N, C-alpha and C. Protein backbone atom coordinates (compact mmCIF):
# COMPACT_ATOMS: atom_id res chain seq x y z
N UNK A 1 0.83 -1.19 0.00
CA UNK A 1 0.00 0.00 0.00
C UNK A 1 0.88 1.25 0.00
N UNK A 2 0.42 2.28 -0.72
CA UNK A 2 1.18 3.52 -0.80
C UNK A 2 1.08 4.29 0.50
N UNK A 3 2.18 4.95 0.85
CA UNK A 3 2.10 5.81 2.02
C UNK A 3 1.50 7.15 1.60
N UNK A 4 1.13 7.96 2.60
CA UNK A 4 0.46 9.23 2.33
C UNK A 4 1.31 10.17 1.48
N UNK A 5 2.64 10.14 1.69
CA UNK A 5 3.50 11.05 0.92
C UNK A 5 3.48 10.70 -0.56
N UNK A 6 3.42 9.42 -0.90
CA UNK A 6 3.34 9.04 -2.31
C UNK A 6 1.98 9.40 -2.90
N UNK A 7 0.90 9.23 -2.12
CA UNK A 7 -0.43 9.62 -2.61
C UNK A 7 -0.48 11.12 -2.89
N UNK A 8 0.08 11.91 -1.97
CA UNK A 8 0.10 13.35 -2.15
C UNK A 8 0.99 13.73 -3.33
N UNK A 9 2.13 13.07 -3.46
CA UNK A 9 3.02 13.36 -4.59
C UNK A 9 2.32 13.01 -5.90
N UNK A 10 1.59 11.92 -5.93
CA UNK A 10 0.86 11.54 -7.14
C UNK A 10 -0.12 12.64 -7.52
N UNK A 11 -0.80 13.18 -6.55
CA UNK A 11 -1.75 14.26 -6.80
C UNK A 11 -1.04 15.50 -7.37
N UNK A 12 0.12 15.83 -6.81
CA UNK A 12 0.88 16.98 -7.30
C UNK A 12 1.40 16.73 -8.72
N UNK A 13 1.90 15.53 -8.97
CA UNK A 13 2.39 15.19 -10.31
C UNK A 13 1.25 15.24 -11.32
N UNK A 14 0.10 14.74 -10.93
CA UNK A 14 -1.06 14.77 -11.82
C UNK A 14 -1.41 16.21 -12.18
N UNK A 15 -1.43 17.07 -11.18
CA UNK A 15 -1.72 18.48 -11.43
C UNK A 15 -0.71 19.09 -12.40
N UNK A 16 0.57 18.85 -12.15
CA UNK A 16 1.62 19.44 -12.98
C UNK A 16 1.53 18.95 -14.42
N UNK A 17 1.34 17.65 -14.59
CA UNK A 17 1.27 17.07 -15.94
C UNK A 17 0.03 17.56 -16.67
N UNK A 18 -1.11 17.58 -15.98
CA UNK A 18 -2.36 17.95 -16.64
C UNK A 18 -2.50 19.46 -16.85
N UNK A 19 -1.83 20.25 -16.02
CA UNK A 19 -1.94 21.71 -16.14
C UNK A 19 -0.77 22.34 -16.88
N UNK A 20 0.27 21.56 -17.09
CA UNK A 20 1.46 22.09 -17.74
C UNK A 20 1.26 22.33 -19.22
N UNK A 21 2.25 22.90 -19.87
CA UNK A 21 2.14 23.28 -21.28
C UNK A 21 2.24 22.10 -22.26
N UNK A 22 2.70 20.94 -21.78
CA UNK A 22 2.88 19.78 -22.67
C UNK A 22 1.91 18.67 -22.29
N UNK A 23 1.56 17.85 -23.27
CA UNK A 23 0.73 16.69 -22.93
C UNK A 23 1.63 15.52 -22.51
N UNK A 24 1.00 14.44 -22.05
CA UNK A 24 1.78 13.30 -21.53
C UNK A 24 2.73 12.72 -22.57
N UNK A 25 2.28 12.64 -23.83
CA UNK A 25 3.15 12.10 -24.88
C UNK A 25 4.40 12.96 -25.07
N UNK A 26 4.23 14.28 -25.04
CA UNK A 26 5.36 15.18 -25.22
C UNK A 26 6.31 15.10 -24.02
N UNK A 27 5.75 15.00 -22.83
CA UNK A 27 6.59 14.87 -21.63
C UNK A 27 7.39 13.58 -21.70
N UNK A 28 6.72 12.48 -22.03
CA UNK A 28 7.39 11.19 -22.14
C UNK A 28 8.51 11.25 -23.17
N UNK A 29 8.23 11.84 -24.30
CA UNK A 29 9.23 11.92 -25.37
C UNK A 29 10.45 12.73 -24.93
N UNK A 30 10.20 13.87 -24.32
CA UNK A 30 11.32 14.73 -23.90
C UNK A 30 12.15 14.12 -22.78
N UNK A 31 11.50 13.32 -21.93
CA UNK A 31 12.24 12.67 -20.84
C UNK A 31 12.80 11.32 -21.25
N UNK A 32 12.45 10.85 -22.45
CA UNK A 32 12.97 9.57 -22.94
C UNK A 32 12.39 8.37 -22.21
N UNK A 33 11.10 8.47 -21.84
CA UNK A 33 10.43 7.37 -21.15
C UNK A 33 9.16 7.03 -21.91
N UNK A 34 8.56 5.93 -21.53
CA UNK A 34 7.29 5.52 -22.14
C UNK A 34 6.16 6.38 -21.57
N UNK A 35 5.12 6.56 -22.37
CA UNK A 35 3.94 7.31 -21.92
C UNK A 35 3.35 6.67 -20.67
N UNK A 36 3.41 5.35 -20.59
CA UNK A 36 2.86 4.66 -19.42
C UNK A 36 3.63 5.01 -18.15
N UNK A 37 4.91 5.36 -18.28
CA UNK A 37 5.68 5.79 -17.11
C UNK A 37 5.09 7.07 -16.54
N UNK A 38 4.78 8.02 -17.42
CA UNK A 38 4.20 9.28 -16.97
C UNK A 38 2.84 9.01 -16.32
N UNK A 39 2.07 8.15 -16.92
CA UNK A 39 0.76 7.77 -16.35
C UNK A 39 0.93 7.16 -14.96
N UNK A 40 1.91 6.29 -14.81
CA UNK A 40 2.16 5.66 -13.50
C UNK A 40 2.63 6.68 -12.46
N UNK A 41 3.42 7.65 -12.86
CA UNK A 41 3.85 8.69 -11.91
C UNK A 41 2.65 9.44 -11.39
N UNK A 42 1.70 9.75 -12.30
CA UNK A 42 0.49 10.46 -11.89
C UNK A 42 -0.38 9.62 -10.96
N UNK A 43 -0.38 8.34 -11.17
CA UNK A 43 -1.23 7.44 -10.36
C UNK A 43 -0.60 7.06 -9.03
N UNK A 44 0.71 6.83 -9.05
CA UNK A 44 1.37 6.27 -7.87
C UNK A 44 2.25 7.25 -7.10
N UNK A 45 2.78 8.24 -7.79
CA UNK A 45 3.66 9.20 -7.13
C UNK A 45 5.09 8.74 -7.00
N UNK A 46 5.38 7.52 -7.38
CA UNK A 46 6.73 6.98 -7.29
C UNK A 46 7.49 7.37 -8.57
N UNK A 47 8.57 8.15 -8.40
CA UNK A 47 9.31 8.68 -9.54
C UNK A 47 10.75 8.92 -9.10
N UNK A 48 11.71 8.68 -9.99
CA UNK A 48 13.10 8.95 -9.61
C UNK A 48 13.40 10.44 -9.70
N UNK A 49 14.48 10.86 -9.05
CA UNK A 49 14.79 12.28 -8.95
C UNK A 49 15.05 12.94 -10.30
N UNK A 50 15.72 12.25 -11.20
CA UNK A 50 16.00 12.84 -12.51
C UNK A 50 14.71 13.13 -13.26
N UNK A 51 13.77 12.19 -13.23
CA UNK A 51 12.50 12.41 -13.92
C UNK A 51 11.66 13.47 -13.20
N UNK A 52 11.75 13.52 -11.88
CA UNK A 52 11.03 14.56 -11.15
C UNK A 52 11.57 15.94 -11.51
N UNK A 53 12.88 16.06 -11.61
CA UNK A 53 13.49 17.33 -12.04
C UNK A 53 13.02 17.68 -13.46
N UNK A 54 12.96 16.66 -14.32
CA UNK A 54 12.50 16.88 -15.69
C UNK A 54 11.06 17.35 -15.74
N UNK A 55 10.19 16.74 -14.94
CA UNK A 55 8.79 17.17 -14.88
C UNK A 55 8.72 18.63 -14.41
N UNK A 56 9.50 18.96 -13.40
CA UNK A 56 9.51 20.33 -12.89
C UNK A 56 9.91 21.30 -14.01
N UNK A 57 10.96 20.97 -14.71
CA UNK A 57 11.46 21.84 -15.77
C UNK A 57 10.45 21.97 -16.91
N UNK A 58 9.84 20.87 -17.30
CA UNK A 58 8.92 20.88 -18.43
C UNK A 58 7.57 21.51 -18.13
N UNK A 59 7.15 21.46 -16.87
CA UNK A 59 5.81 21.95 -16.53
C UNK A 59 5.81 23.34 -15.90
N UNK A 60 6.96 23.79 -15.42
CA UNK A 60 7.00 25.08 -14.74
C UNK A 60 6.65 25.00 -13.26
N UNK A 61 6.43 23.77 -12.77
CA UNK A 61 6.19 23.58 -11.34
C UNK A 61 7.54 23.40 -10.65
N UNK A 62 7.62 23.83 -9.40
CA UNK A 62 8.88 23.75 -8.67
C UNK A 62 9.15 22.33 -8.19
N UNK A 63 10.40 21.92 -8.31
CA UNK A 63 10.84 20.60 -7.89
C UNK A 63 10.46 20.34 -6.43
N UNK A 64 10.74 21.30 -5.56
CA UNK A 64 10.52 21.10 -4.13
C UNK A 64 9.04 20.90 -3.83
N UNK A 65 8.18 21.65 -4.52
CA UNK A 65 6.74 21.48 -4.32
C UNK A 65 6.29 20.12 -4.83
N UNK A 66 6.77 19.73 -6.00
CA UNK A 66 6.40 18.42 -6.54
C UNK A 66 6.85 17.30 -5.60
N UNK A 67 8.05 17.40 -5.10
CA UNK A 67 8.60 16.33 -4.26
C UNK A 67 7.96 16.28 -2.88
N UNK A 68 7.77 17.45 -2.26
CA UNK A 68 7.38 17.47 -0.85
C UNK A 68 6.12 18.27 -0.54
N UNK A 69 5.59 18.98 -1.52
CA UNK A 69 4.40 19.78 -1.28
C UNK A 69 4.67 21.03 -0.49
N UNK A 70 5.91 21.48 -0.47
CA UNK A 70 6.30 22.66 0.31
C UNK A 70 6.69 23.80 -0.61
N UNK A 71 6.41 25.01 -0.17
CA UNK A 71 6.79 26.19 -0.93
C UNK A 71 5.82 26.46 -2.06
N UNK A 72 6.13 27.48 -2.85
CA UNK A 72 5.26 27.83 -3.98
C UNK A 72 5.22 26.70 -5.00
N UNK A 73 4.08 26.58 -5.68
CA UNK A 73 3.90 25.54 -6.70
C UNK A 73 4.75 25.77 -7.94
N UNK A 74 4.70 26.99 -8.43
CA UNK A 74 5.27 27.26 -9.75
C UNK A 74 6.52 28.12 -9.67
N UNK A 75 7.33 28.00 -10.71
CA UNK A 75 8.60 28.72 -10.78
C UNK A 75 8.43 30.22 -10.78
N UNK A 76 7.30 30.70 -11.28
CA UNK A 76 7.11 32.15 -11.36
C UNK A 76 6.47 32.75 -10.11
N UNK A 77 6.22 31.92 -9.09
CA UNK A 77 5.67 32.42 -7.83
C UNK A 77 6.81 32.74 -6.88
N UNK A 78 6.70 33.87 -6.16
CA UNK A 78 7.79 34.21 -5.23
C UNK A 78 7.86 33.24 -4.08
N UNK A 79 9.05 33.04 -3.60
CA UNK A 79 9.29 32.18 -2.45
C UNK A 79 9.27 33.07 -1.22
N UNK A 80 8.40 32.77 -0.27
CA UNK A 80 8.23 33.61 0.92
C UNK A 80 9.55 33.82 1.65
N UNK A 81 10.38 32.78 1.76
CA UNK A 81 11.66 32.90 2.46
C UNK A 81 12.62 33.84 1.75
N UNK A 82 12.50 33.92 0.45
CA UNK A 82 13.43 34.74 -0.33
C UNK A 82 12.85 36.07 -0.73
N UNK A 83 11.61 36.31 -0.39
CA UNK A 83 10.91 37.47 -0.92
C UNK A 83 11.66 38.78 -0.70
N UNK A 84 12.11 39.05 0.51
CA UNK A 84 12.78 40.32 0.77
C UNK A 84 14.09 40.46 -0.01
N UNK A 85 15.05 39.53 0.13
CA UNK A 85 16.30 39.72 -0.59
C UNK A 85 16.11 39.75 -2.11
N UNK A 86 15.26 38.87 -2.62
CA UNK A 86 15.07 38.81 -4.07
C UNK A 86 14.37 40.08 -4.54
N UNK A 87 13.41 40.57 -3.77
CA UNK A 87 12.72 41.80 -4.14
C UNK A 87 13.70 42.96 -4.20
N UNK A 88 14.58 43.04 -3.21
CA UNK A 88 15.58 44.11 -3.20
C UNK A 88 16.50 44.00 -4.40
N UNK A 89 16.96 42.81 -4.68
CA UNK A 89 17.85 42.60 -5.83
C UNK A 89 17.12 42.89 -7.13
N UNK A 90 15.85 42.47 -7.21
CA UNK A 90 15.06 42.65 -8.43
C UNK A 90 14.85 44.12 -8.77
N UNK A 91 14.89 44.98 -7.76
CA UNK A 91 14.76 46.42 -8.03
C UNK A 91 15.88 46.88 -8.96
N UNK A 92 17.02 46.25 -8.84
CA UNK A 92 18.18 46.64 -9.63
C UNK A 92 18.39 45.73 -10.84
N UNK A 93 18.03 44.44 -10.69
CA UNK A 93 18.28 43.49 -11.78
C UNK A 93 17.44 42.24 -11.61
N UNK A 94 16.40 42.07 -12.43
CA UNK A 94 15.59 40.85 -12.36
C UNK A 94 16.41 39.59 -12.65
N UNK A 95 17.43 39.73 -13.49
CA UNK A 95 18.28 38.59 -13.83
C UNK A 95 19.04 38.10 -12.61
N UNK A 96 19.55 39.05 -11.80
CA UNK A 96 20.28 38.67 -10.60
C UNK A 96 19.34 38.06 -9.56
N UNK A 97 18.13 38.59 -9.47
CA UNK A 97 17.14 38.04 -8.54
C UNK A 97 16.81 36.59 -8.91
N UNK A 98 16.70 36.32 -10.19
CA UNK A 98 16.41 34.96 -10.63
C UNK A 98 17.58 34.03 -10.29
N UNK A 99 18.81 34.53 -10.44
CA UNK A 99 19.99 33.74 -10.08
C UNK A 99 19.96 33.36 -8.60
N UNK A 100 19.65 34.33 -7.74
CA UNK A 100 19.58 34.07 -6.30
C UNK A 100 18.48 33.04 -6.00
N UNK A 101 17.33 33.19 -6.63
CA UNK A 101 16.22 32.26 -6.41
C UNK A 101 16.61 30.85 -6.87
N UNK A 102 17.26 30.76 -8.02
CA UNK A 102 17.67 29.44 -8.53
C UNK A 102 18.68 28.78 -7.60
N UNK A 103 19.63 29.55 -7.09
CA UNK A 103 20.61 28.99 -6.16
C UNK A 103 19.91 28.48 -4.91
N UNK A 104 18.94 29.24 -4.43
CA UNK A 104 18.19 28.82 -3.25
C UNK A 104 17.45 27.51 -3.50
N UNK A 105 16.80 27.40 -4.64
CA UNK A 105 16.04 26.18 -4.93
C UNK A 105 16.95 24.98 -5.15
N UNK A 106 18.07 25.19 -5.78
CA UNK A 106 19.03 24.10 -5.96
C UNK A 106 19.59 23.64 -4.62
N UNK A 107 19.78 24.59 -3.72
CA UNK A 107 20.26 24.24 -2.38
C UNK A 107 19.20 23.47 -1.62
N UNK A 108 17.97 23.96 -1.66
CA UNK A 108 16.87 23.29 -0.96
C UNK A 108 16.64 21.88 -1.49
N UNK A 109 16.82 21.70 -2.79
CA UNK A 109 16.63 20.39 -3.41
C UNK A 109 17.86 19.50 -3.26
N UNK A 110 18.88 20.02 -2.59
CA UNK A 110 20.14 19.32 -2.35
C UNK A 110 20.87 18.95 -3.64
N UNK A 111 20.64 19.75 -4.66
CA UNK A 111 21.38 19.59 -5.92
C UNK A 111 22.69 20.35 -5.82
N UNK A 112 22.62 21.55 -5.25
CA UNK A 112 23.81 22.37 -5.05
C UNK A 112 24.34 22.05 -3.65
N UNK A 113 25.41 21.31 -3.61
CA UNK A 113 26.00 20.90 -2.34
C UNK A 113 26.83 22.03 -1.75
N UNK A 114 27.16 21.97 -0.47
CA UNK A 114 28.02 23.00 0.11
C UNK A 114 29.36 23.13 -0.62
N UNK A 115 29.92 22.02 -1.03
CA UNK A 115 31.19 22.07 -1.75
C UNK A 115 31.02 22.77 -3.10
N UNK A 116 29.93 22.48 -3.78
CA UNK A 116 29.66 23.14 -5.06
C UNK A 116 29.42 24.63 -4.86
N UNK A 117 28.69 24.99 -3.80
CA UNK A 117 28.43 26.40 -3.51
C UNK A 117 29.73 27.13 -3.21
N UNK A 118 30.62 26.49 -2.45
CA UNK A 118 31.92 27.09 -2.14
C UNK A 118 32.73 27.30 -3.41
N UNK A 119 32.71 26.31 -4.30
CA UNK A 119 33.45 26.42 -5.56
C UNK A 119 32.86 27.54 -6.43
N UNK A 120 31.56 27.62 -6.49
CA UNK A 120 30.90 28.66 -7.28
C UNK A 120 31.21 30.04 -6.71
N UNK A 121 31.15 30.14 -5.39
CA UNK A 121 31.49 31.40 -4.73
C UNK A 121 32.94 31.80 -5.03
N UNK A 122 33.85 30.84 -4.96
CA UNK A 122 35.25 31.10 -5.28
C UNK A 122 35.44 31.56 -6.72
N UNK A 123 34.71 30.94 -7.62
CA UNK A 123 34.77 31.31 -9.03
C UNK A 123 34.29 32.75 -9.23
N UNK A 124 33.18 33.10 -8.61
CA UNK A 124 32.65 34.47 -8.73
C UNK A 124 33.60 35.48 -8.11
N UNK A 125 34.17 35.13 -6.96
CA UNK A 125 35.13 36.03 -6.30
C UNK A 125 36.36 36.24 -7.19
N UNK A 126 36.86 35.17 -7.79
CA UNK A 126 38.02 35.28 -8.69
C UNK A 126 37.68 36.11 -9.92
N UNK A 127 36.46 35.95 -10.40
CA UNK A 127 36.03 36.72 -11.57
C UNK A 127 36.01 38.21 -11.24
N UNK A 128 35.44 38.56 -10.10
CA UNK A 128 35.39 39.97 -9.67
C UNK A 128 36.80 40.51 -9.49
N UNK A 129 37.67 39.74 -8.87
CA UNK A 129 39.05 40.17 -8.64
C UNK A 129 39.77 40.42 -9.96
N UNK A 130 39.52 39.58 -10.95
CA UNK A 130 40.17 39.75 -12.26
C UNK A 130 39.70 41.00 -12.98
N UNK A 131 38.48 41.43 -12.71
CA UNK A 131 37.92 42.63 -13.36
C UNK A 131 38.45 43.91 -12.72
N UNK A 132 38.96 43.81 -11.48
CA UNK A 132 39.49 44.99 -10.79
C UNK A 132 40.90 45.32 -11.27
N UNK A 133 41.59 44.35 -11.84
CA UNK A 133 42.98 44.58 -12.27
C UNK A 133 43.05 45.41 -13.52
């Protein structure tokens, strides 16, 4: 029997697939899976992380919401935790605000590890230092 988290995830996946811009056949084709796989994800909620990330990307729904039901549903909705800093940054540059939001979501989804964040930070710091010379 499915646990409650899988039932809830199935409901979220169903919403994303049925409300997203692509139909099930297009989603299956782009993810390189059978149409029945997409149907099973909607029914059961059991899906691997790579395909869940793909569904998020293809439908515009946020990975974290699809996986856990937490936070805003869609990529274009503001994240309450980030609202103030992103809003302040967006006053000057919407592109930079989107970068901050993406880093936050990658961190929350545990895609961006602390080591990767440190390396990225070092790269940006080196880039800035090279521009000062």
